[in-house]
Amino acid sequence: MRWLRPPLLVLVALTALITVPARAQFRTEGVDMQSHVNGVMSLMTLTVAPDVTTSSLSITNSQSQNPGIWMTQFGGGFTWSRETPLYLEGNAAYSRYDPVFVASDGTEQRVLPARWNTVTATGGIGWDFPISEHWVVRPIFNFTLGYVASDLRVAKFFVESNTELDLDFIDGGRLNAYGLGGSLMLDYESFSPEQDLDLEIRYTDVELRSYGSSNEAVQGSASAQSVGLWARRRAPTGMTALQRPVRYVLEYAHTRFLGPDAGVLGFNQLNSVGAGFELDSSAYDVWATRWRAVLRYKFGPNVTGWSLGLALSF
């Protein structure tokens, strides 16, 4: 074997380096992390008060074809007794917010599938002030705690190797939030063997603030202001099950979101129309007296969809 002389060896090596294509360096442009944090804080505002219009919500991101927002929640409230009209309510929710980060090398674009997971819990303490036989006015003090965790998952290797995006928050970042405020509710209830009628008109105002972020430069705030109407009629169907009449359920709800964060998710109001059935298990020694399933159609500006709601009465 004939060895190449040093000058020729260097020339061959340089030629090989020149002919090997350099790996494209993708860069993310126009990423405003603060706006994304405000977006996830605004998502929390939908879970402050028990609301059937936002109890199950999924909005598809057209760029990634994945849910840009996915949310589910459960909760409820009750008055302790007529003698002690203490009102208590609670609401817990899980949501996932998928902010879209687009990386480009000038000729090619790639979508980075980040995931921000949010858990919130809200409590309320109020008191019923009767104004007539069926009507009460109910002021409520509300408090909220929330937690946001960011996860890049499978996109992490690509982001670290090919982009200049700061990973301090979007990979493993966390953000805590709290909220204080209140609600004022006008409640109508009329129960009889022929039918049950419920009507609630509610105004809610809770201010949310972040704290304890893993990146001190990332902070957020939002205002949860809304006014809502909820109505329900339950009446016997003529059928019997579990030794009690089976009831049909008709329901309507409308929520309008107010304040500076209204419309940040693409809509400022939602409607829900529902119908279902209710079983009465009070003839048996069980921990719940009524079991209810309601199919709901939800609609609003740029939003339509269906959901199935399950509820229990004690």
Protein backbone atom coordinates (compact mmCIF):
# COMPACT_ATOMS: atom_id res chain seq x y z
CA MET A 1 0.00 0.00 0.00
CA ARG A 2 1.33 3.39 -0.95
CA TRP A 3 0.95 6.11 1.71
CA LEU A 4 -0.08 9.62 0.70
CA ARG A 5 2.39 12.32 1.41
CA PRO A 6 1.34 14.79 4.18
CA PRO A 7 0.45 17.74 1.89
CA LEU A 8 -1.74 15.49 -0.24
CA LEU A 9 -3.35 13.94 2.87
CA VAL A 10 -4.29 17.37 4.17
CA LEU A 11 -5.78 18.31 0.81
CA VAL A 12 -7.94 15.18 0.72
CA ALA A 13 -9.15 15.80 4.26
CA LEU A 14 -10.11 19.38 3.51
CA THR A 15 -11.94 18.29 0.36
CA ALA A 16 -13.98 15.77 2.40
CA LEU A 17 -14.96 18.41 4.94
CA ILE A 18 -16.06 20.79 2.23
CA THR A 19 -18.16 18.23 0.40
CA VAL A 20 -20.01 16.96 3.53
CA PRO A 21 -23.23 19.04 3.80
CA ALA A 22 -23.56 20.97 7.05
CA ARG A 23 -26.57 20.12 9.21
CA ALA A 24 -29.27 22.78 8.91
CA GLN A 25 -29.62 24.97 11.96
CA PHE A 26 -33.31 25.54 12.68
CA ARG A 27 -34.24 28.71 14.50
CA THR A 28 -37.46 29.73 16.18
CA GLU A 29 -38.54 33.26 15.43
CA GLY A 30 -41.20 35.42 16.99
CA VAL A 31 -41.62 33.22 20.08
CA ASP A 32 -43.19 35.30 22.84
CA MET A 33 -43.08 33.03 25.89
CA GLN A 34 -44.99 35.56 27.98
CA SER A 35 -47.97 35.49 25.62
CA HIS A 36 -48.11 31.68 25.86
CA VAL A 37 -48.03 31.84 29.66
CA ASN A 38 -50.86 34.38 29.63
CA GLY A 39 -52.74 31.99 27.35
CA VAL A 40 -52.49 29.08 29.77
CA MET A 41 -53.49 31.41 32.62
CA SER A 42 -56.53 32.47 30.58
CA LEU A 43 -57.40 28.79 30.17
CA MET A 44 -57.53 28.56 33.97
CA THR A 45 -60.24 31.22 34.04
CA LEU A 46 -62.65 28.77 32.37
CA THR A 47 -62.42 26.41 35.36
CA VAL A 48 -62.95 28.84 38.25
CA ALA A 49 -66.72 28.35 38.54
CA PRO A 50 -68.76 25.15 38.00
CA ASP A 51 -70.03 25.60 34.44
CA VAL A 52 -71.54 22.99 32.10
CA THR A 53 -70.56 25.00 29.00
CA THR A 54 -66.85 24.44 29.75
CA SER A 55 -67.08 21.10 31.58
CA SER A 56 -65.63 19.34 28.53
CA LEU A 57 -63.84 21.30 25.84
CA SER A 58 -61.47 20.40 22.98
CA ILE A 59 -60.19 22.84 20.37
CA THR A 60 -58.06 21.52 17.48
CA ASN A 61 -54.87 23.28 16.46
CA SER A 62 -54.93 23.52 12.66
CA GLN A 63 -51.13 23.57 12.37
CA SER A 64 -50.42 20.38 14.30
CA GLN A 65 -53.83 18.67 13.81
CA ASN A 66 -53.76 17.90 17.54
CA PRO A 67 -55.95 19.39 20.25
CA GLY A 68 -54.58 22.87 20.91
CA ILE A 69 -56.76 22.90 24.04
CA TRP A 70 -58.27 19.93 25.82
CA MET A 71 -60.08 20.32 29.12
CA THR A 72 -62.33 18.33 31.43
CA GLN A 73 -63.67 19.24 34.84
CA PHE A 74 -66.09 18.13 37.50
CA GLY A 75 -67.64 19.83 40.48
CA GLY A 76 -70.82 21.01 42.13
CA GLY A 77 -72.32 22.75 45.10
CA PHE A 78 -74.98 22.37 47.75
CA THR A 79 -76.69 24.18 50.61
CA TRP A 80 -76.18 22.51 53.97
CA SER A 81 -79.82 22.79 55.10
CA ARG A 82 -82.69 25.24 55.35
CA GLU A 83 -81.90 25.77 59.01
CA THR A 84 -78.20 26.33 58.27
CA PRO A 85 -78.10 27.87 54.77
CA LEU A 86 -74.34 27.48 54.38
CA TYR A 87 -73.44 27.00 50.72
CA LEU A 88 -70.34 25.00 49.72
CA GLU A 89 -68.99 24.34 46.23
CA GLY A 90 -65.93 22.78 44.69
CA ASN A 91 -64.51 22.35 41.22
CA ALA A 92 -61.47 20.46 39.90
CA ALA A 93 -60.18 20.51 36.34
CA TYR A 94 -57.41 19.11 34.17
CA SER A 95 -56.46 20.80 30.91
CA ARG A 96 -53.75 20.50 28.29
CA TYR A 97 -52.58 23.48 26.30
CA ASP A 98 -50.42 22.85 23.22
CA PRO A 99 -48.56 26.01 22.23
CA VAL A 100 -47.12 25.74 18.73
CA PHE A 101 -43.45 26.58 18.20
CA VAL A 102 -42.37 26.60 14.55
CA ALA A 103 -38.65 26.15 13.78
CA SER A 104 -37.27 27.11 10.36
CA ASP A 105 -33.87 26.95 8.63
CA GLY A 106 -34.95 29.38 5.94
CA THR A 107 -36.33 26.79 3.55
CA GLU A 108 -38.00 24.19 5.77
CA GLN A 109 -40.33 24.51 8.75
CA ARG A 110 -40.97 22.02 11.54
CA VAL A 111 -43.63 22.12 14.27
CA LEU A 112 -42.42 21.43 17.82
CA PRO A 113 -45.10 19.49 19.78
CA ALA A 114 -44.85 21.01 23.26
CA ARG A 115 -47.39 20.07 25.95
CA TRP A 116 -48.42 22.21 28.92
CA ASN A 117 -50.52 20.34 31.49
CA THR A 118 -52.62 22.25 33.98
CA VAL A 119 -54.45 21.19 37.13
CA THR A 120 -56.73 23.58 39.00
CA ALA A 121 -58.96 23.34 42.06
CA THR A 122 -61.49 25.93 43.18
CA GLY A 123 -63.52 26.16 46.36
CA GLY A 124 -66.37 28.40 47.36
CA ILE A 125 -68.09 29.33 50.62
CA GLY A 126 -71.38 31.22 50.60
CA TRP A 127 -74.59 31.90 52.45
CA ASP A 128 -78.21 31.78 51.26
CA PHE A 129 -80.40 34.82 51.92
CA PRO A 130 -84.07 33.96 51.09
CA ILE A 131 -86.02 36.71 49.34
CA SER A 132 -89.19 34.67 48.66
CA GLU A 133 -90.48 31.09 48.87
CA HIS A 134 -88.39 29.87 45.94
CA TRP A 135 -85.73 32.57 45.45
CA VAL A 136 -82.45 33.11 47.33
CA VAL A 137 -79.54 35.50 46.90
CA ARG A 138 -76.20 33.79 47.44
CA PRO A 139 -72.89 35.68 47.82
CA ILE A 140 -69.86 33.34 47.53
CA PHE A 141 -66.19 33.74 48.39
CA ASN A 142 -64.00 31.85 45.88
CA PHE A 143 -60.38 30.74 46.03
CA THR A 144 -58.37 28.91 43.37
CA LEU A 145 -55.07 27.03 43.21
CA GLY A 146 -53.45 25.97 39.95
CA TYR A 147 -50.33 24.21 38.72
CA VAL A 148 -48.79 24.21 35.23
CA ALA A 149 -46.15 21.69 34.12
CA SER A 150 -44.42 21.84 30.72
CA ASP A 151 -43.26 18.78 28.81
CA LEU A 152 -41.47 18.61 25.43
CA ARG A 153 -41.55 14.80 25.23
CA VAL A 154 -40.31 13.45 21.89
CA ALA A 155 -39.41 16.90 20.55
CA LYS A 156 -36.73 17.49 23.16
CA PHE A 157 -33.83 15.90 21.21
CA PHE A 158 -34.68 17.79 18.04
CA VAL A 159 -35.02 21.11 19.90
CA GLU A 160 -31.73 20.70 21.73
CA SER A 161 -29.83 19.63 18.60
CA ASN A 162 -31.29 21.84 15.90
CA THR A 163 -32.77 25.01 17.37
CA GLU A 164 -31.78 28.00 19.42
CA LEU A 165 -34.97 27.97 21.50
CA ASP A 166 -34.54 28.56 25.22
CA LEU A 167 -35.66 25.40 27.04
CA ASP A 168 -35.63 26.88 30.54
CA PHE A 169 -39.42 26.88 30.81
CA ILE A 170 -40.92 24.78 28.02
CA ASP A 171 -38.96 21.65 29.04
CA GLY A 172 -39.87 20.58 32.57
CA GLY A 173 -40.89 24.09 33.58
CA ARG A 174 -43.52 24.67 36.22
CA LEU A 175 -45.75 27.50 37.28
CA ASN A 176 -48.04 27.87 40.28
CA ALA A 177 -51.08 30.13 40.40
CA TYR A 178 -53.61 31.32 42.93
CA GLY A 179 -56.83 33.26 42.67
CA LEU A 180 -59.08 35.18 45.04
CA GLY A 181 -62.47 36.68 44.35
CA GLY A 182 -66.14 35.99 44.62
CA SER A 183 -69.48 35.35 43.00
CA LEU A 184 -73.03 36.55 43.37
CA MET A 185 -75.82 34.13 42.51
CA LEU A 186 -79.59 34.43 42.19
CA ASP A 187 -81.08 30.94 42.65
CA TYR A 188 -84.61 29.64 42.03
CA GLU A 189 -85.72 26.17 43.13
CA SER A 190 -89.18 24.58 42.94
CA PHE A 191 -89.54 20.85 43.67
CA SER A 192 -92.78 18.84 43.37
CA PRO A 193 -93.88 15.34 42.29
CA GLU A 194 -94.91 16.76 38.92
CA GLN A 195 -91.61 18.47 38.11
CA ASP A 196 -88.42 20.05 39.48
CA LEU A 197 -87.35 23.47 38.23
CA ASP A 198 -83.91 25.01 38.80
CA LEU A 199 -82.64 28.38 37.62
CA GLU A 200 -79.34 30.07 38.45
CA ILE A 201 -77.97 33.44 37.36
CA ARG A 202 -74.37 33.95 38.42
CA TYR A 203 -71.69 36.62 38.18
CA THR A 204 -68.09 35.59 38.97
CA ASP A 205 -64.95 37.73 39.37
CA VAL A 206 -61.68 36.05 40.40
CA GLU A 207 -58.19 37.47 39.81
CA LEU A 208 -55.48 34.90 39.04
CA ARG A 209 -51.76 35.48 39.69
CA SER A 210 -48.75 33.22 39.15
CA TYR A 211 -46.02 32.48 41.68
CA GLY A 212 -43.19 30.00 42.16
CA SER A 213 -42.24 29.76 38.48
CA SER A 214 -39.18 27.67 37.59
CA ASN A 215 -38.14 30.64 35.45
CA GLU A 216 -38.50 33.91 37.33
CA ALA A 217 -38.74 35.80 34.03
CA VAL A 218 -41.94 33.90 33.19
CA GLN A 219 -44.94 35.22 35.09
CA GLY A 220 -48.61 35.42 34.23
CA SER A 221 -51.95 36.83 35.28
CA ALA A 222 -55.57 36.62 34.17
CA SER A 223 -58.99 37.86 35.17
CA ALA A 224 -61.81 35.31 35.47
CA GLN A 225 -64.93 37.38 34.91
CA SER A 226 -68.13 35.82 33.62
CA VAL A 227 -71.88 35.96 33.85
CA GLY A 228 -73.90 32.81 33.32
CA LEU A 229 -77.43 31.47 33.22
CA TRP A 230 -78.31 27.83 33.88
CA ALA A 231 -81.81 26.28 33.78
CA ARG A 232 -83.03 22.70 34.22
CA ARG A 233 -86.39 20.92 34.21
CA ARG A 234 -86.89 17.36 35.47
CA ALA A 235 -90.23 15.55 35.14
CA PRO A 236 -91.48 11.91 35.18
CA THR A 237 -91.49 10.02 31.87
CA GLY A 238 -94.21 7.57 32.97
CA MET A 239 -91.68 4.72 33.20
CA THR A 240 -90.44 3.13 36.42
CA ALA A 241 -87.04 1.77 37.43
CA LEU A 242 -85.53 0.94 40.84
CA GLN A 243 -89.05 1.27 42.30
CA ARG A 244 -89.12 4.97 41.43
CA PRO A 245 -90.23 7.06 38.42
CA VAL A 246 -87.71 7.61 35.65
CA ARG A 247 -87.38 11.31 34.86
CA TYR A 248 -86.37 13.11 31.72
CA VAL A 249 -84.02 16.08 32.01
CA LEU A 250 -83.97 19.23 29.87
CA GLU A 251 -81.21 21.77 30.35
CA TYR A 252 -79.95 25.04 28.94
CA ALA A 253 -76.88 27.10 29.88
CA HIS A 254 -75.30 30.28 28.58
CA THR A 255 -72.00 31.79 29.74
CA ARG A 256 -70.54 35.09 28.61
CA PHE A 257 -66.89 35.77 29.43
CA LEU A 258 -66.06 39.34 30.42
CA GLY A 259 -62.98 41.38 31.26
CA PRO A 260 -59.67 41.87 29.48
CA ASP A 261 -59.16 38.14 28.84
CA ALA A 262 -62.52 37.58 27.14
CA GLY A 263 -62.05 36.15 23.67
CA VAL A 264 -58.39 35.20 24.12
CA LEU A 265 -59.24 31.59 23.17
CA GLY A 266 -61.27 32.61 20.12
CA PHE A 267 -64.72 32.98 21.73
CA ASN A 268 -66.34 35.16 24.37
CA GLN A 269 -69.52 33.16 24.95
CA LEU A 270 -70.71 29.55 24.99
CA ASN A 271 -74.14 27.91 24.95
CA SER A 272 -75.18 24.41 25.97
CA VAL A 273 -78.44 22.60 25.23
CA GLY A 274 -78.90 19.23 26.88
CA ALA A 275 -81.35 16.35 27.29
CA GLY A 276 -81.11 13.13 29.27
CA PHE A 277 -82.57 10.84 31.90
CA GLU A 278 -82.43 10.50 35.68
CA LEU A 279 -82.78 7.39 37.85
CA ASP A 280 -83.95 7.60 41.46
CA SER A 281 -82.26 5.10 43.80
CA SER A 282 -83.66 6.49 47.05
CA ALA A 283 -85.63 3.25 47.62
CA TYR A 284 -82.30 1.48 48.30
CA ASP A 285 -79.63 2.01 50.93
CA VAL A 286 -76.98 3.51 48.62
CA TRP A 287 -74.79 6.58 48.97
CA ALA A 288 -76.39 8.46 46.04
CA THR A 289 -80.11 9.08 45.60
CA ARG A 290 -80.19 10.18 41.94
CA TRP A 291 -78.10 9.26 38.90
CA ARG A 292 -78.22 11.55 35.88
CA ALA A 293 -76.85 11.36 32.32
CA VAL A 294 -77.22 14.35 29.99
CA LEU A 295 -76.10 14.64 26.36
CA ARG A 296 -75.19 18.25 25.56
CA TYR A 297 -74.68 20.17 22.34
CA LYS A 298 -72.37 23.15 22.80
CA PHE A 299 -71.97 26.07 20.47
CA GLY A 300 -70.61 29.59 20.30
CA PRO A 301 -68.48 31.82 18.05
CA ASN A 302 -66.05 29.48 16.21
CA VAL A 303 -66.95 26.59 18.54
CA THR A 304 -69.34 23.62 18.19
CA GLY A 305 -69.34 20.18 19.75
CA TRP A 306 -70.95 17.49 21.86
CA SER A 307 -70.38 16.18 25.38
CA LEU A 308 -71.83 13.64 27.76
CA GLY A 309 -72.33 14.73 31.37
CA LEU A 310 -72.75 12.41 34.35
CA ALA A 311 -74.01 13.66 37.71
CA LEU A 312 -75.06 12.41 41.13
CA SER A 313 -77.37 13.84 43.77
CA PHE A 314 -77.06 13.04 47.45
